Amino acid sequence: MVRFVGVQNAVRWIRATGLETILGELSEYVADDYRRWESFDKSPRVANHSPIGVIELMPTSDGHLYGFKYVNGHPSNPSRGLQTVTAFGVLSDVASGYPLLVAEMTLLTALRTAATSAMAAKHLARADSATMAMIGAGTQAEFQAIAVREALGIRTLRVFDTDPLASAKLVRNLTPLGFDVYVASDSADAVAGADVITTCTADKANATVLTDDMVKPGVHINAIGGDCPGKTELDAAILRRADVFVEFPEQTRIEGEIQQVESDFAVTELWQVVSGTTTGRASAEQITVFDSVGFAIEDFSVLRYLHDKTNHSAFSIDIDLVADPDDPKDLFGFAQGSDAPVPAL
């Protein structure tokens, strides 16, 4: 039997544990896995693109556990009453190849993306950061705000979205949680005076939601919208003024903001900062950009965290996923309804 955490149990677990607690603990899980980055198998995700979206597989292993995520990205889905992103994942035992956990990952992807952004901000933003701007108020926005508050203590938000209903939704969700939310008239209004800027738009196009003139010295940018070729959010001039930090360069150069610049554009891998082998923020005037596209190790982290927290609890159930005949060599007999051993020849 394999443990399974479906949507209903994931929601029950989040409510029982508390989103703030989960995001804080998960950020540490991600940081722990970043510190042992070199022990993981790594490759760009396997993507199947269509004119209206993308379906991807994201695998990795640390030699003891293996994890993968199936995930889609279809920006037009909300117009049909569907989620832009849906996902599920598996965590397996390398020694046997048997799955240990199957889980929904639509919610978990939101959690791990926010936890990773918070980890990056903790290492790259100024310690005195007090105001966060958000361009894009979709499904990821509230998770981002809460995670960054856990990391930096920021409670003042300035938000802009082309959909006024999305901004209203964010105000409705976050004001009761102690946030002071200002709804801006445009992107420039949103980032005015901000110390941390998060861009999280869904449209899969080469857009410029943040221009160079909007970015003042000392700002940290979490650019989390990039996830496929041909999709960007930042003016390329920002990248040339900033120090740019990435997850896995081989993937980010295809999918991230840096697909706009030359192939040898200098970047720093974030794991080196988290592990203490490289400097992140070096001065109060420095502009830092986390060009995040999402990487499989972060999914591995959230699956590992979920397994640790829900295994043999009321938040997971057993599912009959793996055939288990009494004689492991007699799958035919098992299929025929008998586990009797095959007579020796």
Protein backbone atom coordinates (compact mmCIF):
# COMPACT_ATOMS: atom_id res chain seq x y z
CA MET A 1 0.00 0.00 0.00
CA VAL A 2 1.12 3.54 -0.80
CA ARG A 3 0.31 6.64 1.21
CA PHE A 4 -1.87 9.19 -0.59
CA VAL A 5 -2.59 12.84 0.25
CA GLY A 6 -5.44 14.13 -1.90
CA VAL A 7 -6.87 17.62 -2.12
CA GLN A 8 -9.29 17.29 0.78
CA ASN A 9 -6.65 15.95 3.15
CA ALA A 10 -4.10 18.54 1.95
CA VAL A 11 -6.60 21.29 2.79
CA ARG A 12 -7.33 19.71 6.19
CA TRP A 13 -3.59 19.46 6.91
CA ILE A 14 -2.96 23.10 5.92
CA ARG A 15 -5.82 24.34 8.10
CA ALA A 16 -4.82 22.20 11.07
CA THR A 17 -1.14 23.10 10.90
CA GLY A 18 -1.43 26.75 9.86
CA LEU A 19 -0.17 28.27 6.64
CA GLU A 20 2.43 30.41 8.39
CA THR A 21 3.91 27.39 10.16
CA ILE A 22 3.99 25.33 6.98
CA LEU A 23 5.64 28.05 4.89
CA GLY A 24 8.24 28.73 7.56
CA GLU A 25 9.12 25.06 8.04
CA LEU A 26 9.00 24.31 4.32
CA SER A 27 11.38 27.18 3.59
CA GLU A 28 13.88 25.46 5.89
CA TYR A 29 13.36 22.12 4.11
CA VAL A 30 14.07 23.82 0.78
CA ALA A 31 17.15 25.50 2.27
CA ASP A 32 18.39 22.16 3.63
CA ASP A 33 18.10 20.59 0.17
CA TYR A 34 19.80 23.61 -1.44
CA ARG A 35 22.72 23.13 0.94
CA ARG A 36 23.19 19.61 -0.44
CA TRP A 37 22.43 20.65 -4.02
CA GLU A 38 25.43 18.82 -5.43
CA SER A 39 24.11 15.45 -4.19
CA PHE A 40 21.04 15.61 -6.47
CA ASP A 41 20.56 14.37 -10.02
CA LYS A 42 19.62 17.47 -12.02
CA SER A 43 18.21 18.10 -15.48
CA PRO A 44 15.89 20.63 -17.11
CA ARG A 45 12.27 19.61 -16.89
CA VAL A 46 10.71 17.66 -19.73
CA ALA A 47 8.18 19.97 -21.37
CA ASN A 48 5.46 19.33 -23.92
CA HIS A 49 4.32 22.66 -25.37
CA SER A 50 1.09 23.37 -27.20
CA PRO A 51 -0.32 26.66 -28.53
CA ILE A 52 -2.40 27.10 -25.36
CA GLY A 53 -0.11 25.81 -22.62
CA VAL A 54 2.50 23.37 -21.42
CA ILE A 55 2.59 20.00 -19.62
CA GLU A 56 5.82 19.15 -17.81
CA LEU A 57 7.53 16.39 -15.85
CA MET A 58 10.04 17.44 -13.18
CA PRO A 59 12.20 14.60 -11.76
CA THR A 60 15.14 14.48 -9.35
CA SER A 61 16.81 12.17 -6.82
CA ASP A 62 19.30 12.48 -3.97
CA GLY A 63 20.26 8.81 -4.29
CA HIS A 64 17.97 7.74 -1.45
CA LEU A 65 14.64 9.21 -2.48
CA TYR A 66 13.31 9.91 -5.97
CA GLY A 67 10.61 12.46 -6.70
CA PHE A 68 8.79 13.79 -9.70
CA LYS A 69 5.97 16.23 -10.41
CA TYR A 70 3.49 16.34 -13.27
CA VAL A 71 2.40 19.94 -13.82
CA ASN A 72 0.63 22.00 -16.44
CA GLY A 73 0.43 25.72 -17.17
CA HIS A 74 -2.58 26.94 -19.19
CA PRO A 75 -3.16 30.71 -18.78
CA SER A 76 -6.57 30.66 -20.49
CA ASN A 77 -7.98 28.05 -18.10
CA PRO A 78 -9.59 30.52 -15.65
CA SER A 79 -11.84 31.81 -18.45
CA ARG A 80 -13.25 28.27 -18.56
CA GLY A 81 -13.52 27.92 -14.79
CA LEU A 82 -10.32 25.87 -14.54
CA GLN A 83 -7.06 26.37 -12.63
CA THR A 84 -4.10 27.79 -14.57
CA VAL A 85 -1.78 25.28 -12.87
CA THR A 86 -2.58 21.75 -11.66
CA ALA A 87 -0.15 19.13 -10.47
CA PHE A 88 0.43 15.84 -8.71
CA GLY A 89 3.62 14.16 -7.56
CA VAL A 90 5.28 10.97 -6.34
CA LEU A 91 8.03 10.31 -3.80
CA SER A 92 9.74 6.90 -4.07
CA ASP A 93 12.33 4.76 -2.35
CA VAL A 94 15.42 4.45 -4.57
CA ALA A 95 16.52 1.14 -3.00
CA SER A 96 13.35 -0.69 -4.03
CA GLY A 97 11.83 1.63 -6.62
CA TYR A 98 8.55 1.47 -4.72
CA PRO A 99 6.50 4.66 -4.36
CA LEU A 100 6.14 5.91 -0.79
CA LEU A 101 3.77 8.82 -1.36
CA VAL A 102 1.41 10.03 -4.06
CA ALA A 103 0.11 13.55 -3.52
CA GLU A 104 -1.86 16.36 -5.07
CA MET A 105 0.57 19.15 -5.92
CA THR A 106 -1.59 22.06 -7.07
CA LEU A 107 -1.61 23.35 -3.51
CA LEU A 108 1.87 22.02 -2.82
CA THR A 109 3.30 23.88 -5.84
CA ALA A 110 1.92 27.14 -4.46
CA LEU A 111 3.47 26.33 -1.09
CA ARG A 112 6.91 25.37 -2.42
CA THR A 113 7.07 28.35 -4.80
CA ALA A 114 6.29 30.75 -1.97
CA ALA A 115 8.70 29.02 0.42
CA THR A 116 11.49 29.23 -2.18
CA SER A 117 10.78 32.93 -2.80
CA ALA A 118 10.94 33.56 0.94
CA MET A 119 14.24 31.69 1.20
CA ALA A 120 15.66 33.79 -1.65
CA ALA A 121 14.41 37.03 -0.12
CA LYS A 122 15.91 36.12 3.24
CA HIS A 123 19.34 35.84 1.61
CA LEU A 124 19.09 38.58 -1.01
CA ALA A 125 16.77 41.34 0.25
CA ARG A 126 17.89 44.10 2.62
CA ALA A 127 17.31 43.15 6.24
CA ASP A 128 15.43 46.42 6.81
CA SER A 129 12.94 45.79 3.99
CA ALA A 130 9.51 47.06 5.02
CA THR A 131 7.33 47.20 1.90
CA MET A 132 6.56 44.54 -0.72
CA ALA A 133 5.10 45.18 -4.15
CA MET A 134 3.27 42.51 -6.11
CA ILE A 135 2.56 42.67 -9.83
CA GLY A 136 0.03 39.92 -10.35
CA ALA A 137 -2.61 38.95 -7.77
CA GLY A 138 -3.50 35.48 -8.99
CA THR A 139 -3.48 32.15 -7.19
CA GLN A 140 0.13 32.47 -6.02
CA ALA A 141 -0.11 35.97 -4.53
CA GLU A 142 -1.35 35.33 -0.99
CA PHE A 143 1.11 32.48 -0.47
CA GLN A 144 3.96 34.76 -1.59
CA ALA A 145 2.92 37.53 0.79
CA ILE A 146 2.63 35.26 3.82
CA ALA A 147 5.91 33.46 3.09
CA VAL A 148 7.87 36.71 2.69
CA ARG A 149 6.29 38.04 5.89
CA GLU A 150 7.53 34.94 7.70
CA ALA A 151 11.04 35.56 6.32
CA LEU A 152 11.32 39.35 6.58
CA GLY A 153 8.43 40.58 8.72
CA ILE A 154 6.90 42.63 5.87
CA ARG A 155 3.23 43.51 6.38
CA THR A 156 2.82 46.43 3.96
CA LEU A 157 1.81 45.36 0.43
CA ARG A 158 1.30 47.34 -2.75
CA VAL A 159 -0.45 45.31 -5.45
CA PHE A 160 -1.40 45.73 -9.09
CA ASP A 161 -3.25 43.34 -11.37
CA THR A 162 -4.89 43.98 -14.73
CA ASP A 163 -7.94 42.21 -13.29
CA PRO A 164 -9.49 44.38 -10.54
CA LEU A 165 -11.33 41.35 -9.19
CA ALA A 166 -8.00 39.60 -8.52
CA SER A 167 -6.75 42.58 -6.51
CA ALA A 168 -10.03 42.71 -4.58
CA LYS A 169 -9.70 39.00 -3.85
CA LEU A 170 -6.19 39.54 -2.45
CA VAL A 171 -7.38 42.41 -0.23
CA ARG A 172 -10.26 40.28 1.01
CA ASN A 173 -7.96 37.36 1.83
CA LEU A 174 -4.99 39.19 3.36
CA THR A 175 -6.45 42.14 5.28
CA PRO A 176 -7.90 39.86 8.01
CA LEU A 177 -4.41 38.33 8.38
CA GLY A 178 -2.89 41.64 9.43
CA PHE A 179 -1.61 42.97 6.11
CA ASP A 180 -1.89 46.61 5.08
CA VAL A 181 -2.77 46.35 1.37
CA TYR A 182 -2.73 49.24 -1.10
CA VAL A 183 -4.28 48.60 -4.53
CA ALA A 184 -2.20 50.45 -7.09
CA SER A 185 -3.36 52.01 -10.36
CA ASP A 186 -0.53 50.46 -12.39
CA SER A 187 2.81 48.69 -12.01
CA ALA A 188 4.78 51.90 -11.47
CA ASP A 189 2.40 52.93 -8.68
CA ALA A 190 2.71 49.48 -7.11
CA VAL A 191 6.51 49.45 -6.91
CA ALA A 192 6.90 53.04 -5.72
CA GLY A 193 8.87 52.86 -2.46
CA ALA A 194 8.95 49.06 -2.43
CA ASP A 195 11.95 47.18 -1.01
CA VAL A 196 10.92 43.77 -2.38
CA ILE A 197 9.13 43.37 -5.72
CA THR A 198 7.42 40.13 -6.75
CA THR A 199 6.32 39.64 -10.35
CA CYS A 200 3.92 36.73 -10.76
CA THR A 201 1.89 37.05 -13.93
CA ALA A 202 0.48 34.12 -15.90
CA ASP A 203 0.42 35.22 -19.54
CA LYS A 204 2.87 33.15 -21.57
CA ALA A 205 4.35 36.01 -23.61
CA ASN A 206 7.41 38.24 -23.73
CA ALA A 207 5.83 40.92 -21.60
CA THR A 208 7.43 43.81 -19.70
CA VAL A 209 5.49 44.30 -16.49
CA LEU A 210 8.46 45.94 -14.74
CA THR A 211 10.56 48.54 -16.58
CA ASP A 212 14.07 49.66 -15.75
CA ASP A 213 13.05 53.14 -14.56
CA MET A 214 10.76 51.62 -11.89
CA VAL A 215 13.62 49.81 -10.12
CA LYS A 216 15.55 51.85 -7.58
CA PRO A 217 18.87 50.93 -5.92
CA GLY A 218 18.60 48.49 -3.04
CA VAL A 219 15.56 46.62 -4.35
CA HIS A 220 15.26 42.85 -4.41
CA ILE A 221 13.09 41.31 -7.14
CA ASN A 222 11.53 37.86 -7.00
CA ALA A 223 10.69 37.26 -10.67
CA ILE A 224 8.65 34.08 -10.40
CA GLY A 225 6.45 34.24 -13.50
CA GLY A 226 8.93 32.75 -15.95
CA ASP A 227 8.38 29.08 -16.71
CA CYS A 228 8.70 28.53 -20.44
CA PRO A 229 10.47 29.77 -23.57
CA GLY A 230 9.00 33.01 -24.84
CA LYS A 231 7.67 34.16 -21.45
CA THR A 232 9.32 37.04 -19.58
CA GLU A 233 8.24 39.81 -17.20
CA LEU A 234 11.26 42.10 -16.72
CA ASP A 235 12.85 44.76 -18.87
CA ALA A 236 16.21 43.25 -19.91
CA ALA A 237 17.92 46.48 -18.80
CA ILE A 238 17.06 45.57 -15.19
CA LEU A 239 19.08 42.37 -15.50
CA ARG A 240 22.13 44.30 -16.69
CA ARG A 241 21.98 46.59 -13.63
CA ALA A 242 21.40 43.77 -11.16
CA ASP A 243 23.10 40.73 -9.74
CA VAL A 244 21.00 37.81 -11.00
CA PHE A 245 20.53 34.59 -9.04
CA VAL A 246 19.04 31.42 -10.52
CA GLU A 247 18.13 27.85 -9.62
CA PHE A 248 19.54 25.66 -12.40
CA PRO A 249 21.17 27.71 -15.18
CA GLU A 250 20.58 25.10 -17.87
CA GLN A 251 16.84 25.44 -17.31
CA THR A 252 16.71 29.16 -16.52
CA ARG A 253 18.51 30.15 -19.73
CA ILE A 254 15.68 28.44 -21.65
CA GLU A 255 12.71 29.56 -19.54
CA GLY A 256 13.68 32.48 -17.31
CA GLU A 257 14.22 36.21 -17.62
CA ILE A 258 17.78 35.57 -18.79
CA GLN A 259 16.52 34.03 -22.04
CA GLN A 260 16.47 37.70 -23.15
CA VAL A 261 20.23 38.19 -22.83
CA GLU A 262 23.36 36.58 -24.23
CA SER A 263 23.97 32.90 -23.49
CA ASP A 264 27.03 33.63 -21.34
CA PHE A 265 25.33 36.32 -19.24
CA ALA A 266 26.78 36.03 -15.72
CA VAL A 267 24.51 34.55 -13.06
CA THR A 268 24.98 33.08 -9.59
CA GLU A 269 23.36 29.81 -8.54
CA LEU A 270 21.24 30.41 -5.45
CA TRP A 271 22.34 27.18 -3.77
CA GLN A 272 25.84 28.64 -3.48
CA VAL A 273 24.47 31.60 -1.51
CA VAL A 274 22.30 29.41 0.73
CA SER A 275 25.24 27.09 1.46
CA GLY A 276 27.48 30.05 2.30
CA THR A 277 30.04 29.49 -0.45
CA THR A 278 29.12 32.68 -2.35
CA THR A 279 28.00 36.15 -1.28
CA GLY A 280 24.41 37.19 -1.98
CA ARG A 281 23.64 40.80 -1.11
CA ALA A 282 26.87 42.72 -0.69
CA SER A 283 25.59 46.29 -0.19
CA ALA A 284 22.49 48.32 0.60
CA GLU A 285 22.51 49.84 -2.91
CA GLN A 286 22.78 46.55 -4.78
CA ILE A 287 19.86 45.41 -6.96
CA THR A 288 19.28 41.66 -6.72
CA VAL A 289 17.03 39.51 -8.92
CA PHE A 290 15.96 35.95 -8.22
CA ASP A 291 15.09 34.69 -11.69
CA SER A 292 12.94 31.79 -10.54
CA VAL A 293 11.40 29.29 -12.94
CA GLY A 294 10.76 26.52 -10.40
CA PHE A 295 13.03 23.51 -10.15
CA ALA A 296 12.48 19.83 -9.33
CA ILE A 297 14.51 19.94 -6.09
CA GLU A 298 11.92 22.33 -4.64
CA ASP A 299 9.17 19.82 -5.48
CA PHE A 300 11.30 17.09 -3.91
CA SER A 301 11.54 19.26 -0.76
CA VAL A 302 7.80 19.73 -0.43
CA LEU A 303 7.10 16.03 -1.06
CA ARG A 304 9.70 15.11 1.56
CA TYR A 305 8.19 17.62 3.99
CA LEU A 306 4.64 16.39 3.37
CA HIS A 307 5.72 12.77 3.83
CA ASP A 308 7.43 13.59 7.13
CA LYS A 309 4.44 15.54 8.44
CA THR A 310 1.53 13.34 7.28
CA ASN A 311 2.81 9.77 7.11
CA HIS A 312 0.62 7.45 9.23
CA SER A 313 -1.57 10.40 10.18
CA ALA A 314 -5.24 11.20 9.60
CA PHE A 315 -4.17 13.43 6.70
CA SER A 316 -3.06 10.54 4.48
CA ILE A 317 -4.63 7.25 3.44
CA ASP A 318 -3.42 3.97 1.97
CA ILE A 319 -4.14 3.32 -1.70
CA ASP A 320 -3.79 0.02 -3.53
CA LEU A 321 -1.32 1.20 -6.17
CA VAL A 322 1.38 -1.48 -6.34
CA ALA A 323 0.69 -5.14 -7.14
CA ASP A 324 1.94 -7.32 -4.28
CA PRO A 325 1.70 -11.07 -5.09
CA ASP A 326 2.88 -13.54 -2.48
CA ASP A 327 5.33 -14.84 -5.08
CA PRO A 328 6.96 -11.76 -6.66
CA LYS A 329 7.74 -13.81 -9.77
CA ASP A 330 4.15 -14.91 -10.32
CA LEU A 331 2.35 -11.81 -11.47
CA PHE A 332 0.31 -13.98 -13.89
CA GLY A 333 -1.03 -16.12 -11.06
CA PHE A 334 -1.82 -12.99 -9.09
CA ALA A 335 -3.72 -11.58 -12.08
CA GLN A 336 -5.69 -14.83 -12.39
CA GLY A 337 -6.75 -14.66 -8.76
CA SER A 338 -4.32 -17.20 -7.36
CA ASP A 339 -1.05 -16.69 -5.54
CA ALA A 340 -0.12 -20.37 -5.73
CA PRO A 341 3.55 -20.83 -6.67
CA VAL A 342 4.34 -22.05 -10.17
CA PRO A 343 5.49 -25.73 -10.07
CA ALA A 344 9.18 -26.18 -10.66
CA LEU A 345 10.18 -27.60 -14.06
